[in-house]
């Protein structure tokens, strides 16, 4: 799960996921959307590949939608398991 959080920590990597959510893109197409060097973009792509959020198919990078969805489901289920239960009638906001 740490790899997942590390991958999502970067604004650039989250933006790459957004771009790939519309369909497969080549490295050149992705690079043209950012003001960074090629090696910097490759670094971010590798991080996303290691987290299994994207895959490299020939010249294209593709979003692994099911893996992204599963990662968020695991994260949310962990939050739900750790969240304290608060009775709605007792949850009040004080105006201190």
PDB file of N, CA and C in Angstrom:
ATOM      1  N   UNK A   1       0.817  -1.191   0.000  1.00  0.00           N
ATOM      2  CA  UNK A   1       0.000   0.000   0.000  1.00  0.00           C
ATOM      3  C   UNK A   1       0.867   1.264   0.000  1.00  0.00           C
ATOM      4  N   UNK A   2       2.077   1.134   0.557  1.00  0.00           N
ATOM      5  CA  UNK A   2       2.977   2.295   0.588  1.00  0.00           C
ATOM      6  C   UNK A   2       3.319   2.770  -0.823  1.00  0.00           C
ATOM      7  N   UNK A   3       3.513   1.815  -1.747  1.00  0.00           N
ATOM      8  CA  UNK A   3       3.821   2.176  -3.132  1.00  0.00           C
ATOM      9  C   UNK A   3       2.670   2.952  -3.754  1.00  0.00           C
ATOM     10  N   UNK A   4       1.460   2.562  -3.387  1.00  0.00           N
ATOM     11  CA  UNK A   4       0.268   3.245  -3.901  1.00  0.00           C
ATOM     12  C   UNK A   4       0.261   4.693  -3.426  1.00  0.00           C
ATOM     13  N   UNK A   5       0.483   4.905  -2.133  1.00  0.00           N
ATOM     14  CA  UNK A   5       0.487   6.264  -1.599  1.00  0.00           C
ATOM     15  C   UNK A   5       1.639   7.079  -2.174  1.00  0.00           C
ATOM     16  N   UNK A   6       2.796   6.458  -2.331  1.00  0.00           N
ATOM     17  CA  UNK A   6       3.936   7.167  -2.923  1.00  0.00           C
ATOM     18  C   UNK A   6       3.614   7.600  -4.348  1.00  0.00           C
ATOM     19  N   UNK A   7       2.935   6.729  -5.084  1.00  0.00           N
ATOM     20  CA  UNK A   7       2.584   7.057  -6.473  1.00  0.00           C
ATOM     21  C   UNK A   7       1.590   8.201  -6.539  1.00  0.00           C
ATOM     22  N   UNK A   8       0.667   8.256  -5.600  1.00  0.00           N
ATOM     23  CA  UNK A   8      -0.383   9.276  -5.628  1.00  0.00           C
ATOM     24  C   UNK A   8       0.028  10.584  -4.968  1.00  0.00           C
ATOM     25  N   UNK A   9       1.198  10.599  -4.347  1.00  0.00           N
ATOM     26  CA  UNK A   9       1.658  11.792  -3.638  1.00  0.00           C
ATOM     27  C   UNK A   9       1.969  12.953  -4.582  1.00  0.00           C
ATOM     28  N   UNK A  10       2.320  12.650  -5.792  1.00  0.00           N
ATOM     29  CA  UNK A  10       2.760  13.666  -6.751  1.00  0.00           C
ATOM     30  C   UNK A  10       1.608  14.208  -7.594  1.00  0.00           C
ATOM     31  N   UNK A  11       1.544  15.536  -7.694  1.00  0.00           N
ATOM     32  CA  UNK A  11       0.551  16.171  -8.576  1.00  0.00           C
ATOM     33  C   UNK A  11       0.744  15.727 -10.025  1.00  0.00           C
ATOM     34  N   UNK A  12       1.995  15.589 -10.435  1.00  0.00           N
ATOM     35  CA  UNK A  12       2.295  15.184 -11.816  1.00  0.00           C
ATOM     36  C   UNK A  12       1.736  13.791 -12.082  1.00  0.00           C
ATOM     37  N   UNK A  13       1.968  12.866 -11.167  1.00  0.00           N
ATOM     38  CA  UNK A  13       1.479  11.499 -11.368  1.00  0.00           C
ATOM     39  C   UNK A  13      -0.043  11.439 -11.356  1.00  0.00           C
ATOM     40  N   UNK A  14      -0.660  12.214 -10.490  1.00  0.00           N
ATOM     41  CA  UNK A  14      -2.135  12.248 -10.495  1.00  0.00           C
ATOM     42  C   UNK A  14      -2.645  12.824 -11.808  1.00  0.00           C
ATOM     43  N   UNK A  15      -1.960  13.825 -12.352  1.00  0.00           N
ATOM     44  CA  UNK A  15      -2.374  14.405 -13.628  1.00  0.00           C
ATOM     45  C   UNK A  15      -2.179  13.410 -14.771  1.00  0.00           C
ATOM     46  N   UNK A  16      -1.112  12.633 -14.725  1.00  0.00           N
ATOM     47  CA  UNK A  16      -0.911  11.589 -15.737  1.00  0.00           C
ATOM     48  C   UNK A  16      -2.078  10.609 -15.708  1.00  0.00           C
ATOM     49  N   UNK A  17      -2.522  10.226 -14.522  1.00  0.00           N
ATOM     50  CA  UNK A  17      -3.671   9.319 -14.411  1.00  0.00           C
ATOM     51  C   UNK A  17      -4.918   9.937 -15.029  1.00  0.00           C
ATOM     52  N   UNK A  18      -5.106  11.228 -14.812  1.00  0.00           N
ATOM     53  CA  UNK A  18      -6.259  11.918 -15.402  1.00  0.00           C
ATOM     54  C   UNK A  18      -6.163  11.872 -16.923  1.00  0.00           C
ATOM     55  N   UNK A  19      -4.998  12.188 -17.463  1.00  0.00           N
ATOM     56  CA  UNK A  19      -4.828  12.149 -18.924  1.00  0.00           C
ATOM     57  C   UNK A  19      -5.097  10.751 -19.474  1.00  0.00           C
ATOM     58  N   UNK A  20      -4.574   9.735 -18.805  1.00  0.00           N
ATOM     59  CA  UNK A  20      -4.742   8.366 -19.294  1.00  0.00           C
ATOM     60  C   UNK A  20      -6.157   7.840 -19.085  1.00  0.00           C
ATOM     61  N   UNK A  21      -6.926   8.494 -18.236  1.00  0.00           N
ATOM     62  CA  UNK A  21      -8.314   8.054 -18.043  1.00  0.00           C
ATOM     63  C   UNK A  21      -9.150   8.284 -19.301  1.00  0.00           C
ATOM     64  N   UNK A  22      -8.651   9.125 -20.205  1.00  0.00           N
ATOM     65  CA  UNK A  22      -9.353   9.374 -21.475  1.00  0.00           C
ATOM     66  C   UNK A  22      -8.920   8.418 -22.577  1.00  0.00           C
ATOM     67  N   UNK A  23      -7.870   7.651 -22.326  1.00  0.00           N
ATOM     68  CA  UNK A  23      -7.391   6.701 -23.327  1.00  0.00           C
ATOM     69  C   UNK A  23      -5.879   6.600 -23.330  1.00  0.00           C
ATOM     70  N   UNK A  24      -5.371   5.647 -24.090  1.00  0.00           N
ATOM     71  CA  UNK A  24      -3.934   5.421 -24.178  1.00  0.00           C
ATOM     72  C   UNK A  24      -3.228   6.614 -24.820  1.00  0.00           C
ATOM     73  N   UNK A  25      -2.009   6.885 -24.331  1.00  0.00           N
ATOM     74  CA  UNK A  25      -1.180   7.961 -24.883  1.00  0.00           C
ATOM     75  C   UNK A  25       0.255   7.472 -25.014  1.00  0.00           C
ATOM     76  N   UNK A  26       0.962   8.010 -25.991  1.00  0.00           N
ATOM     77  CA  UNK A  26       2.382   7.697 -26.131  1.00  0.00           C
ATOM     78  C   UNK A  26       3.186   8.576 -25.174  1.00  0.00           C
ATOM     79  N   UNK A  27       4.459   8.215 -25.028  1.00  0.00           N
ATOM     80  CA  UNK A  27       5.351   9.024 -24.204  1.00  0.00           C
ATOM     81  C   UNK A  27       5.402  10.458 -24.728  1.00  0.00           C
ATOM     82  N   UNK A  28       5.524  10.613 -26.039  1.00  0.00           N
ATOM     83  CA  UNK A  28       5.588  11.965 -26.624  1.00  0.00           C
ATOM     84  C   UNK A  28       4.325  12.763 -26.329  1.00  0.00           C
ATOM     85  N   UNK A  29       3.174  12.119 -26.421  1.00  0.00           N
ATOM     86  CA  UNK A  29       1.920  12.819 -26.135  1.00  0.00           C
ATOM     87  C   UNK A  29       1.866  13.256 -24.676  1.00  0.00           C
ATOM     88  N   UNK A  30       2.331  12.403 -23.785  1.00  0.00           N
ATOM     89  CA  UNK A  30       2.355  12.769 -22.365  1.00  0.00           C
ATOM     90  C   UNK A  30       3.374  13.876 -22.112  1.00  0.00           C
ATOM     91  N   UNK A  31       4.563  13.726 -22.676  1.00  0.00           N
ATOM     92  CA  UNK A  31       5.621  14.718 -22.464  1.00  0.00           C
ATOM     93  C   UNK A  31       5.192  16.101 -22.945  1.00  0.00           C
ATOM     94  N   UNK A  32       4.441  16.163 -24.028  1.00  0.00           N
ATOM     95  CA  UNK A  32       3.992  17.450 -24.579  1.00  0.00           C
ATOM     96  C   UNK A  32       3.044  18.180 -23.635  1.00  0.00           C
ATOM     97  N   UNK A  33       2.479  17.475 -22.685  1.00  0.00           N
ATOM     98  CA  UNK A  33       1.516  18.087 -21.763  1.00  0.00           C
ATOM     99  C   UNK A  33       2.165  18.646 -20.500  1.00  0.00           C
ATOM    100  N   UNK A  34       3.468  18.450 -20.348  1.00  0.00           N
ATOM    101  CA  UNK A  34       4.171  18.891 -19.139  1.00  0.00           C
ATOM    102  C   UNK A  34       5.409  19.706 -19.506  1.00  0.00           C
ATOM    103  N   UNK A  35       5.791  20.651 -18.641  1.00  0.00           N
ATOM    104  CA  UNK A  35       6.990  21.452 -18.897  1.00  0.00           C
ATOM    105  C   UNK A  35       8.260  20.810 -18.328  1.00  0.00           C
ATOM    106  N   UNK A  36       8.300  19.480 -18.285  1.00  0.00           N
ATOM    107  CA  UNK A  36       9.422  18.770 -17.671  1.00  0.00           C
ATOM    108  C   UNK A  36      10.243  18.046 -18.731  1.00  0.00           C
ATOM    109  N   UNK A  37      11.437  17.642 -18.351  1.00  0.00           N
ATOM    110  CA  UNK A  37      12.309  16.889 -19.260  1.00  0.00           C
ATOM    111  C   UNK A  37      11.777  15.469 -19.443  1.00  0.00           C
ATOM    112  N   UNK A  38      12.253  14.824 -20.492  1.00  0.00           N
ATOM    113  CA  UNK A  38      11.879  13.439 -20.745  1.00  0.00           C
ATOM    114  C   UNK A  38      12.200  12.519 -19.580  1.00  0.00           C
ATOM    115  N   UNK A  39      13.429  12.601 -19.021  1.00  0.00           N
ATOM    116  CA  UNK A  39      13.751  11.740 -17.884  1.00  0.00           C
ATOM    117  C   UNK A  39      12.834  11.964 -16.676  1.00  0.00           C
ATOM    118  N   UNK A  40      12.410  13.190 -16.456  1.00  0.00           N
ATOM    119  CA  UNK A  40      11.496  13.467 -15.337  1.00  0.00           C
ATOM    120  C   UNK A  40      10.147  12.792 -15.567  1.00  0.00           C
ATOM    121  N   UNK A  41       9.635  12.866 -16.789  1.00  0.00           N
ATOM    122  CA  UNK A  41       8.357  12.217 -17.104  1.00  0.00           C
ATOM    123  C   UNK A  41       8.498  10.705 -16.975  1.00  0.00           C
ATOM    124  N   UNK A  42       9.612  10.148 -17.469  1.00  0.00           N
ATOM    125  CA  UNK A  42       9.845   8.705 -17.352  1.00  0.00           C
ATOM    126  C   UNK A  42       9.877   8.256 -15.898  1.00  0.00           C
ATOM    127  N   UNK A  43      10.468   9.073 -15.032  1.00  0.00           N
ATOM    128  CA  UNK A  43      10.498   8.757 -13.602  1.00  0.00           C
ATOM    129  C   UNK A  43       9.074   8.609 -13.065  1.00  0.00           C
ATOM    130  N   UNK A  44       8.216   9.561 -13.389  1.00  0.00           N
ATOM    131  CA  UNK A  44       6.834   9.517 -12.909  1.00  0.00           C
ATOM    132  C   UNK A  44       6.076   8.329 -13.506  1.00  0.00           C
ATOM    133  N   UNK A  45       6.321   8.035 -14.763  1.00  0.00           N
ATOM    134  CA  UNK A  45       5.673   6.878 -15.391  1.00  0.00           C
ATOM    135  C   UNK A  45       6.114   5.578 -14.719  1.00  0.00           C
ATOM    136  N   UNK A  46       7.401   5.476 -14.385  1.00  0.00           N
ATOM    137  CA  UNK A  46       7.895   4.270 -13.698  1.00  0.00           C
ATOM    138  C   UNK A  46       7.243   4.111 -12.331  1.00  0.00           C
ATOM    139  N   UNK A  47       7.092   5.216 -11.614  1.00  0.00           N
ATOM    140  CA  UNK A  47       6.439   5.149 -10.300  1.00  0.00           C
ATOM    141  C   UNK A  47       5.009   4.623 -10.437  1.00  0.00           C
ATOM    142  N   UNK A  48       4.299   5.089 -11.445  1.00  0.00           N
ATOM    143  CA  UNK A  48       2.925   4.638 -11.670  1.00  0.00           C
ATOM    144  C   UNK A  48       2.884   3.183 -12.124  1.00  0.00           C
ATOM    145  N   UNK A  49       3.885   2.764 -12.901  1.00  0.00           N
ATOM    146  CA  UNK A  49       3.964   1.359 -13.309  1.00  0.00           C
ATOM    147  C   UNK A  49       4.249   0.462 -12.108  1.00  0.00           C
ATOM    148  N   UNK A  50       5.154   0.880 -11.232  1.00  0.00           N
ATOM    149  CA  UNK A  50       5.485   0.096 -10.042  1.00  0.00           C
ATOM    150  C   UNK A  50       4.280  -0.053  -9.124  1.00  0.00           C
ATOM    151  N   UNK A  51       3.445   0.965  -9.073  1.00  0.00           N
ATOM    152  CA  UNK A  51       2.215   0.902  -8.266  1.00  0.00           C
ATOM    153  C   UNK A  51       1.115   0.139  -8.996  1.00  0.00           C
ATOM    154  N   UNK A  52       1.391  -0.273 -10.216  1.00  0.00           N
ATOM    155  CA  UNK A  52       0.464  -1.022 -11.067  1.00  0.00           C
ATOM    156  C   UNK A  52      -0.800  -0.224 -11.402  1.00  0.00           C
ATOM    157  N   UNK A  53      -0.620   1.086 -11.571  1.00  0.00           N
ATOM    158  CA  UNK A  53      -1.717   1.953 -12.001  1.00  0.00           C
ATOM    159  C   UNK A  53      -1.745   2.106 -13.516  1.00  0.00           C
ATOM    160  N   UNK A  54      -0.582   1.936 -14.146  1.00  0.00           N
ATOM    161  CA  UNK A  54      -0.508   2.041 -15.606  1.00  0.00           C
ATOM    162  C   UNK A  54       0.348   0.899 -16.130  1.00  0.00           C
ATOM    163  N   UNK A  55       0.233   0.670 -17.442  1.00  0.00           N
ATOM    164  CA  UNK A  55       1.131  -0.275 -18.088  1.00  0.00           C
ATOM    165  C   UNK A  55       1.587   0.299 -19.418  1.00  0.00           C
ATOM    166  N   UNK A  56       2.736  -0.195 -19.855  1.00  0.00           N
ATOM    167  CA  UNK A  56       3.357   0.247 -21.099  1.00  0.00           C
ATOM    168  C   UNK A  56       3.096  -0.835 -22.133  1.00  0.00           C
ATOM    169  N   UNK A  57       2.274  -0.514 -23.135  1.00  0.00           N
ATOM    170  CA  UNK A  57       1.932  -1.462 -24.200  1.00  0.00           C
ATOM    171  C   UNK A  57       2.505  -0.935 -25.505  1.00  0.00           C
ATOM    172  N   UNK A  58       3.621  -1.480 -25.932  1.00  0.00           N
ATOM    173  CA  UNK A  58       4.261  -0.963 -27.144  1.00  0.00           C
ATOM    174  C   UNK A  58       4.607   0.500 -26.941  1.00  0.00           C
ATOM    175  N   UNK A  59       4.187   1.369 -27.850  1.00  0.00           N
ATOM    176  CA  UNK A  59       4.494   2.793 -27.687  1.00  0.00           C
ATOM    177  C   UNK A  59       3.513   3.514 -26.754  1.00  0.00           C
ATOM    178  N   UNK A  60       2.512   2.818 -26.266  1.00  0.00           N
ATOM    179  CA  UNK A  60       1.446   3.463 -25.494  1.00  0.00           C
ATOM    180  C   UNK A  60       1.515   3.161 -24.005  1.00  0.00           C
ATOM    181  N   UNK A  61       1.045   4.134 -23.238  1.00  0.00           N
ATOM    182  CA  UNK A  61       0.821   3.951 -21.810  1.00  0.00           C
ATOM    183  C   UNK A  61      -0.682   3.905 -21.612  1.00  0.00           C
ATOM    184  N   UNK A  62      -1.119   2.978 -20.763  1.00  0.00           N
ATOM    185  CA  UNK A  62      -2.553   2.796 -20.545  1.00  0.00           C
ATOM    186  C   UNK A  62      -2.847   2.729 -19.053  1.00  0.00           C
ATOM    187  N   UNK A  63      -3.970   3.269 -18.674  1.00  0.00           N
ATOM    188  CA  UNK A  63      -4.440   3.228 -17.297  1.00  0.00           C
ATOM    189  C   UNK A  63      -4.986   1.835 -17.001  1.00  0.00           C
ATOM    190  N   UNK A  64      -4.600   1.283 -15.867  1.00  0.00           N
ATOM    191  CA  UNK A  64      -5.146   0.004 -15.414  1.00  0.00           C
ATOM    192  C   UNK A  64      -6.295   0.327 -14.457  1.00  0.00           C
ATOM    193  N   UNK A  65      -7.428   0.606 -15.026  1.00  0.00           N
ATOM    194  CA  UNK A  65      -8.579   1.122 -14.287  1.00  0.00           C
ATOM    195  C   UNK A  65      -8.961   0.236 -13.115  1.00  0.00           C
ATOM    196  N   UNK A  66      -8.992  -1.072 -13.327  1.00  0.00           N
ATOM    197  CA  UNK A  66      -9.374  -1.983 -12.243  1.00  0.00           C
ATOM    198  C   UNK A  66      -8.411  -1.893 -11.069  1.00  0.00           C
ATOM    199  N   UNK A  67      -7.115  -1.767 -11.344  1.00  0.00           N
ATOM    200  CA  UNK A  67      -6.134  -1.657 -10.264  1.00  0.00           C
ATOM    201  C   UNK A  67      -6.295  -0.353  -9.494  1.00  0.00           C
ATOM    202  N   UNK A  68      -6.567   0.734 -10.195  1.00  0.00           N
ATOM    203  CA  UNK A  68      -6.785   2.022  -9.533  1.00  0.00           C
ATOM    204  C   UNK A  68      -8.023   1.928  -8.645  1.00  0.00           C
ATOM    205  N   UNK A  69      -9.082   1.366  -9.182  1.00  0.00           N
ATOM    206  CA  UNK A  69     -10.327   1.217  -8.425  1.00  0.00           C
ATOM    207  C   UNK A  69     -10.107   0.357  -7.177  1.00  0.00           C
ATOM    208  N   UNK A  70      -9.406  -0.765  -7.326  1.00  0.00           N
ATOM    209  CA  UNK A  70      -9.144  -1.653  -6.188  1.00  0.00           C
ATOM    210  C   UNK A  70      -8.327  -0.951  -5.114  1.00  0.00           C
ATOM    211  N   UNK A  71      -7.331  -0.170  -5.525  1.00  0.00           N
ATOM    212  CA  UNK A  71      -6.497   0.546  -4.559  1.00  0.00           C
ATOM    213  C   UNK A  71      -7.336   1.504  -3.727  1.00  0.00           C
ATOM    214  N   UNK A  72      -8.257   2.216  -4.376  1.00  0.00           N
ATOM    215  CA  UNK A  72      -9.111   3.141  -3.636  1.00  0.00           C
ATOM    216  C   UNK A  72     -10.109   2.398  -2.755  1.00  0.00           C
ATOM    217  N   UNK A  73     -10.606   1.262  -3.200  1.00  0.00           N
ATOM    218  CA  UNK A  73     -11.518   0.468  -2.378  1.00  0.00           C
ATOM    219  C   UNK A  73     -10.819  -0.033  -1.120  1.00  0.00           C
ATOM    220  N   UNK A  74      -9.584  -0.508  -1.265  1.00  0.00           N
ATOM    221  CA  UNK A  74      -8.814  -0.969  -0.110  1.00  0.00           C
ATOM    222  C   UNK A  74      -8.570   0.192   0.845  1.00  0.00           C
ATOM    223  N   UNK A  75      -8.202   1.339   0.301  1.00  0.00           N
ATOM    224  CA  UNK A  75      -7.964   2.517   1.130  1.00  0.00           C
ATOM    225  C   UNK A  75      -9.222   2.912   1.892  1.00  0.00           C
ATOM    226  N   UNK A  76     -10.353   2.976   1.199  1.00  0.00           N
ATOM    227  CA  UNK A  76     -11.606   3.373   1.842  1.00  0.00           C
ATOM    228  C   UNK A  76     -12.069   2.358   2.868  1.00  0.00           C
ATOM    229  N   UNK A  77     -11.889   1.080   2.597  1.00  0.00           N
ATOM    230  CA  UNK A  77     -12.301   0.073   3.575  1.00  0.00           C
ATOM    231  C   UNK A  77     -11.441   0.171   4.831  1.00  0.00           C
ATOM    232  N   UNK A  78     -10.167   0.518   4.661  1.00  0.00           N
ATOM    233  CA  UNK A  78      -9.303   0.734   5.818  1.00  0.00           C
ATOM    234  C   UNK A  78      -9.742   1.927   6.639  1.00  0.00           C
ATOM    235  N   UNK A  79     -10.173   2.991   5.978  1.00  0.00           N
ATOM    236  CA  UNK A  79     -10.683   4.164   6.694  1.00  0.00           C
ATOM    237  C   UNK A  79     -11.950   3.828   7.460  1.00  0.00           C
ATOM    238  N   UNK A  80     -12.836   3.099   6.809  1.00  0.00           N
ATOM    239  CA  UNK A  80     -14.098   2.729   7.459  1.00  0.00           C
ATOM    240  C   UNK A  80     -13.848   1.861   8.680  1.00  0.00           C
ATOM    241  N   UNK A  81     -12.881   0.973   8.608  1.00  0.00           N
ATOM    242  CA  UNK A  81     -12.579   0.088   9.727  1.00  0.00           C
ATOM    243  C   UNK A  81     -11.982   0.856  10.902  1.00  0.00           C
ATOM    244  N   UNK A  82     -11.281   1.945  10.619  1.00  0.00           N
ATOM    245  CA  UNK A  82     -10.623   2.708  11.674  1.00  0.00           C
ATOM    246  C   UNK A  82     -11.447   3.880  12.189  1.00  0.00           C
ATOM    247  N   UNK A  83     -12.467   4.271  11.457  1.00  0.00           N
ATOM    248  CA  UNK A  83     -13.250   5.449  11.842  1.00  0.00           C
ATOM    249  C   UNK A  83     -14.110   5.135  13.064  1.00  0.00           C
ATOM    250  N   UNK A  84     -14.082   6.008  14.068  1.00  0.00           N
ATOM    251  CA  UNK A  84     -14.949   5.798  15.226  1.00  0.00           C
ATOM    252  C   UNK A  84     -16.404   6.060  14.841  1.00  0.00           C
ATOM    253  N   UNK A  85     -17.281   5.279  15.422  1.00  0.00           N
ATOM    254  CA  UNK A  85     -18.705   5.468  15.156  1.00  0.00           C
ATOM    255  C   UNK A  85     -19.240   6.577  16.046  1.00  0.00           C
ATOM    256  N   UNK A  86     -19.895   7.529  15.463  1.00  0.00           N
ATOM    257  CA  UNK A  86     -20.485   8.649  16.199  1.00  0.00           C
ATOM    258  C   UNK A  86     -21.978   8.608  15.982  1.00  0.00           C
ATOM    259  N   UNK A  87     -22.712   8.631  17.074  1.00  0.00           N
ATOM    260  CA  UNK A  87     -24.163   8.655  16.954  1.00  0.00           C
ATOM    261  C   UNK A  87     -24.578  10.010  16.400  1.00  0.00           C
ATOM    262  N   UNK A  88     -25.379  10.036  15.331  1.00  0.00           N
ATOM    263  CA  UNK A  88     -25.778  11.311  14.725  1.00  0.00           C
ATOM    264  C   UNK A  88     -26.436  12.267  15.711  1.00  0.00           C
ATOM    265  N   UNK A  89     -27.204  11.761  16.661  1.00  0.00           N
ATOM    266  CA  UNK A  89     -27.893  12.644  17.603  1.00  0.00           C
ATOM    267  C   UNK A  89     -26.930  13.294  18.584  1.00  0.00           C
ATOM    268  N   UNK A  90     -25.757  12.722  18.776  1.00  0.00           N
ATOM    269  CA  UNK A  90     -24.793  13.265  19.729  1.00  0.00           C
ATOM    270  C   UNK A  90     -23.714  14.102  19.046  1.00  0.00           C
ATOM    271  N   UNK A  91     -23.669  14.063  17.747  1.00  0.00           N
ATOM    272  CA  UNK A  91     -22.656  14.828  17.013  1.00  0.00           C
ATOM    273  C   UNK A  91     -23.134  16.263  16.865  1.00  0.00           C
ATOM    274  N   UNK A  92     -22.611  17.134  17.709  1.00  0.00           N
ATOM    275  CA  UNK A  92     -22.996  18.542  17.660  1.00  0.00           C
ATOM    276  C   UNK A  92     -21.752  19.403  17.525  1.00  0.00           C
ATOM    277  N   UNK A  93     -21.941  20.568  17.036  1.00  0.00           N
ATOM    278  CA  UNK A  93     -20.851  21.526  16.897  1.00  0.00           C
ATOM    279  C   UNK A  93     -21.080  22.622  17.915  1.00  0.00           C
ATOM    280  N   UNK A  94     -20.061  22.893  18.702  1.00  0.00           N
ATOM    281  CA  UNK A  94     -20.212  23.962  19.688  1.00  0.00           C
ATOM    282  C   UNK A  94     -19.697  25.263  19.106  1.00  0.00           C
ATOM    283  N   UNK A  95     -20.285  26.336  19.521  1.00  0.00           N
ATOM    284  CA  UNK A  95     -19.900  27.666  19.039  1.00  0.00           C
ATOM    285  C   UNK A  95     -19.064  28.349  20.094  1.00  0.00           C
ATOM    286  N   UNK A  96     -17.917  27.791  20.412  1.00  0.00           N
ATOM    287  CA  UNK A  96     -17.044  28.344  21.452  1.00  0.00           C
ATOM    288  C   UNK A  96     -16.549  29.683  21.113  1.00  0.00           C
TER     289      UNK A  96
END
